[in-house]
Amino acid sequence: MANVTIDGSAKKKGGILKTLFQLILASGLASGGFVAGQYFAQSTMSPADEVLRLIEETGSDGVHHSAGDNPQKVPRDLPDAPVFETQYYEFPEPLTTNLKGSTRFLQLGIGLSTQYDKTVLRNVQTHRMALRSDMLAVISSFTEEDVEGTAGRDALSAALGDAINHRLEQLEGFGGIEGVFFPVFVMQ
């Protein structure tokens, strides 16, 4: 009767020691996993540095070179022609107008490009209302068939560019718009 408690239930042997041993074992395994993860995850180089190191070790011919066999950099010839920066301007609201002889309408987002200085784009912003009016007049002079397909869109783009440059030349003495683009083109 040594294994019976006061209330008559059987006494468990080693209950506290067994639970304590299990806790110590679980915390040891968790700590070991954490330490092993830190050891294997920790690298002396960041991934970006490792990629740069691999690129430097590989020559332009794609062959791996040793540290003593450094390839020489080859200078690149620059073109003699000046390179101009293209600047863009997009009208904030799309233009919507009826097409000539049709019940359908065309909604266009208009973007402009120039390789001249910022003065051209400032002129466009200054005279935005007059330019919108001229563009609506040009768009409404096109028929539904005129704007279909790539050739039709190119013709519309050229006509809008001519109208914009004509208005800017009247108001500022210089046009400067070289391209007209349609980020939005909806015909309904």
Protein backbone atom coordinates (compact mmCIF):
# COMPACT_ATOMS: atom_id res chain seq x y z
CA MET A 1 0.00 0.00 0.00
CA ALA A 2 2.86 2.29 -0.35
CA ASN A 3 1.63 3.45 -3.78
CA VAL A 4 -1.81 4.68 -2.61
CA THR A 5 -2.53 8.32 -1.70
CA ILE A 6 -4.90 9.57 1.02
CA ASP A 7 -7.91 9.81 -1.30
CA GLY A 8 -7.37 6.26 -2.57
CA SER A 9 -5.99 6.97 -6.07
CA ALA A 10 -2.85 5.31 -7.31
CA LYS A 11 0.32 7.38 -7.00
CA LYS A 12 2.28 8.07 -10.21
CA LYS A 13 5.94 7.16 -10.07
CA GLY A 14 8.38 9.87 -11.11
CA GLY A 15 5.73 12.32 -12.40
CA ILE A 16 7.56 15.52 -11.65
CA LEU A 17 10.97 14.18 -12.67
CA LYS A 18 9.59 12.86 -15.95
CA THR A 19 7.93 16.20 -16.81
CA LEU A 20 11.05 18.14 -15.82
CA PHE A 21 13.20 15.86 -18.01
CA GLN A 22 10.85 16.36 -20.98
CA LEU A 23 10.95 20.17 -20.60
CA ILE A 24 14.75 20.19 -20.43
CA LEU A 25 14.97 17.93 -23.49
CA ALA A 26 12.50 20.09 -25.50
CA SER A 27 14.27 23.34 -24.63
CA GLY A 28 17.63 21.77 -25.49
CA LEU A 29 16.38 20.64 -28.90
CA ALA A 30 14.84 24.06 -29.61
CA SER A 31 18.05 25.84 -28.58
CA GLY A 32 20.14 23.46 -30.67
CA GLY A 33 17.91 24.05 -33.71
CA PHE A 34 18.15 27.80 -33.25
CA VAL A 35 21.95 27.73 -32.93
CA ALA A 36 22.29 25.42 -35.96
CA GLY A 37 19.99 27.68 -38.01
CA GLN A 38 22.03 30.74 -37.07
CA TYR A 39 25.26 28.96 -37.98
CA PHE A 40 24.11 27.81 -41.40
CA ALA A 41 22.16 30.98 -42.26
CA GLN A 42 24.95 33.33 -41.32
CA SER A 43 27.24 34.17 -44.23
CA THR A 44 30.31 36.34 -44.38
CA MET A 45 29.03 37.97 -47.62
CA SER A 46 25.69 39.41 -48.47
CA PRO A 47 23.96 37.89 -51.52
CA ALA A 48 24.65 41.05 -53.54
CA ASP A 49 28.35 40.90 -52.68
CA GLU A 50 28.45 37.22 -53.58
CA VAL A 51 26.91 37.94 -57.02
CA LEU A 52 29.43 40.74 -57.64
CA ARG A 53 32.28 38.42 -56.66
CA LEU A 54 31.05 35.76 -59.09
CA ILE A 55 30.69 38.31 -61.88
CA GLU A 56 34.21 39.57 -61.32
CA GLU A 57 35.60 36.02 -61.39
CA THR A 58 33.88 35.25 -64.70
CA GLY A 59 35.42 36.84 -67.78
CA SER A 60 33.58 38.30 -70.75
CA ASP A 61 34.06 34.98 -72.54
CA GLY A 62 32.02 33.24 -69.82
CA VAL A 63 35.06 31.28 -68.55
CA HIS A 64 35.92 31.27 -64.87
CA HIS A 65 39.26 33.03 -64.27
CA SER A 66 41.48 32.74 -61.24
CA ALA A 67 42.36 35.77 -59.13
CA GLY A 68 45.79 36.11 -60.80
CA ASP A 69 44.32 36.18 -64.34
CA ASN A 70 42.43 39.49 -64.21
CA PRO A 71 40.75 40.47 -67.49
CA GLN A 72 41.32 43.98 -68.74
CA LYS A 73 38.44 46.40 -69.21
CA VAL A 74 37.86 47.42 -72.81
CA PRO A 75 36.92 51.06 -73.34
CA ARG A 76 33.67 51.58 -75.22
CA ASP A 77 33.58 54.05 -78.08
CA LEU A 78 30.98 56.76 -77.60
CA PRO A 79 29.06 58.06 -80.59
CA ASP A 80 30.13 61.42 -81.94
CA ALA A 81 26.54 62.54 -82.48
CA PRO A 82 25.02 64.33 -79.49
CA VAL A 83 22.34 62.43 -77.62
CA PHE A 84 19.24 64.44 -76.83
CA GLU A 85 16.92 63.80 -73.91
CA THR A 86 13.28 63.31 -74.83
CA GLN A 87 10.81 64.99 -72.50
CA TYR A 88 7.13 64.11 -72.24
CA TYR A 89 3.95 65.89 -71.23
CA GLU A 90 0.56 64.23 -70.77
CA PHE A 91 -2.63 66.26 -70.70
CA PRO A 92 -4.30 65.52 -67.36
CA GLU A 93 -7.81 64.89 -68.70
CA PRO A 94 -8.70 62.85 -71.79
CA LEU A 95 -10.41 64.54 -74.75
CA THR A 96 -13.83 63.26 -75.80
CA THR A 97 -15.59 64.28 -79.02
CA ASN A 98 -17.96 62.93 -81.66
CA LEU A 99 -16.47 61.69 -84.89
CA LYS A 100 -17.47 63.33 -88.18
CA GLY A 101 -20.65 61.84 -89.69
CA SER A 102 -21.03 59.26 -86.90
CA THR A 103 -22.96 58.74 -83.70
CA ARG A 104 -19.83 57.23 -82.15
CA PHE A 105 -17.38 59.26 -80.12
CA LEU A 106 -13.66 59.07 -79.52
CA GLN A 107 -11.99 59.49 -76.15
CA LEU A 108 -8.25 60.15 -76.24
CA GLY A 109 -5.55 60.63 -73.68
CA ILE A 110 -2.93 62.86 -75.27
CA GLY A 111 0.80 62.75 -74.59
CA LEU A 112 3.41 64.97 -76.25
CA SER A 113 7.16 64.62 -76.68
CA THR A 114 9.97 67.02 -77.48
CA GLN A 115 13.75 66.97 -77.46
CA TYR A 116 13.96 70.71 -77.00
CA ASP A 117 14.37 72.35 -73.61
CA LYS A 118 11.66 72.65 -70.96
CA THR A 119 10.45 75.90 -72.49
CA VAL A 120 8.40 73.96 -75.04
CA LEU A 121 6.59 71.98 -72.33
CA ARG A 122 6.05 75.15 -70.29
CA ASN A 123 4.47 76.73 -73.37
CA VAL A 124 2.18 73.70 -73.72
CA GLN A 125 1.09 74.03 -70.09
CA THR A 126 0.58 77.78 -70.43
CA HIS A 127 -1.63 77.43 -73.51
CA ARG A 128 -3.28 74.13 -72.54
CA MET A 129 -6.84 75.45 -73.01
CA ALA A 130 -6.21 76.76 -76.55
CA LEU A 131 -4.41 73.54 -77.47
CA ARG A 132 -7.29 71.40 -76.17
CA SER A 133 -9.71 73.42 -78.29
CA ASP A 134 -7.56 72.97 -81.41
CA MET A 135 -7.17 69.25 -80.74
CA LEU A 136 -10.94 68.78 -80.34
CA ALA A 137 -11.48 70.53 -83.68
CA VAL A 138 -8.97 68.24 -85.39
CA ILE A 139 -10.35 65.05 -83.83
CA SER A 140 -13.95 65.92 -84.74
CA SER A 141 -12.90 66.40 -88.39
CA PHE A 142 -11.93 62.71 -88.63
CA THR A 143 -14.45 60.02 -89.56
CA GLU A 144 -14.77 56.65 -87.92
CA GLU A 145 -12.95 55.01 -90.85
CA ASP A 146 -10.17 57.62 -90.71
CA VAL A 147 -9.06 56.61 -87.19
CA GLU A 148 -9.27 52.83 -87.59
CA GLY A 149 -6.02 50.88 -87.64
CA THR A 150 -2.45 51.92 -87.06
CA ALA A 151 -2.30 54.08 -90.19
CA GLY A 152 -5.40 55.99 -89.05
CA ARG A 153 -3.95 56.60 -85.60
CA ASP A 154 -0.67 57.76 -87.13
CA ALA A 155 -2.56 60.19 -89.40
CA LEU A 156 -4.51 61.53 -86.40
CA SER A 157 -1.27 61.87 -84.42
CA ALA A 158 0.39 63.81 -87.26
CA ALA A 159 -2.63 66.11 -87.68
CA LEU A 160 -2.71 66.83 -83.93
CA GLY A 161 1.04 67.52 -83.91
CA ASP A 162 0.63 69.99 -86.78
CA ALA A 163 -2.25 71.76 -85.02
CA ILE A 164 -0.37 71.98 -81.71
CA ASN A 165 2.81 73.30 -83.36
CA HIS A 166 0.80 75.80 -85.43
CA ARG A 167 -0.90 77.21 -82.29
CA LEU A 168 2.38 77.36 -80.35
CA GLU A 169 4.08 79.13 -83.25
CA GLN A 170 1.27 81.71 -83.28
CA LEU A 171 1.45 82.29 -79.53
CA GLU A 172 5.14 81.78 -78.70
CA GLY A 173 6.97 81.92 -82.03
CA PHE A 174 8.12 78.29 -81.83
CA GLY A 175 6.35 74.89 -81.81
CA GLY A 176 8.83 72.17 -80.88
CA ILE A 177 6.42 69.23 -80.42
CA GLU A 178 7.90 66.19 -82.17
CA GLY A 179 5.52 63.40 -81.20
CA VAL A 180 1.88 62.94 -80.20
CA PHE A 181 0.92 59.75 -78.36
CA PHE A 182 -2.34 58.19 -77.24
CA PRO A 183 -2.05 56.54 -73.80
CA VAL A 184 -5.88 56.24 -73.93
CA PHE A 185 -7.73 55.47 -77.18
CA VAL A 186 -11.41 54.51 -76.78
CA MET A 187 -13.98 54.57 -79.58
CA GLN A 188 -17.61 53.92 -78.63
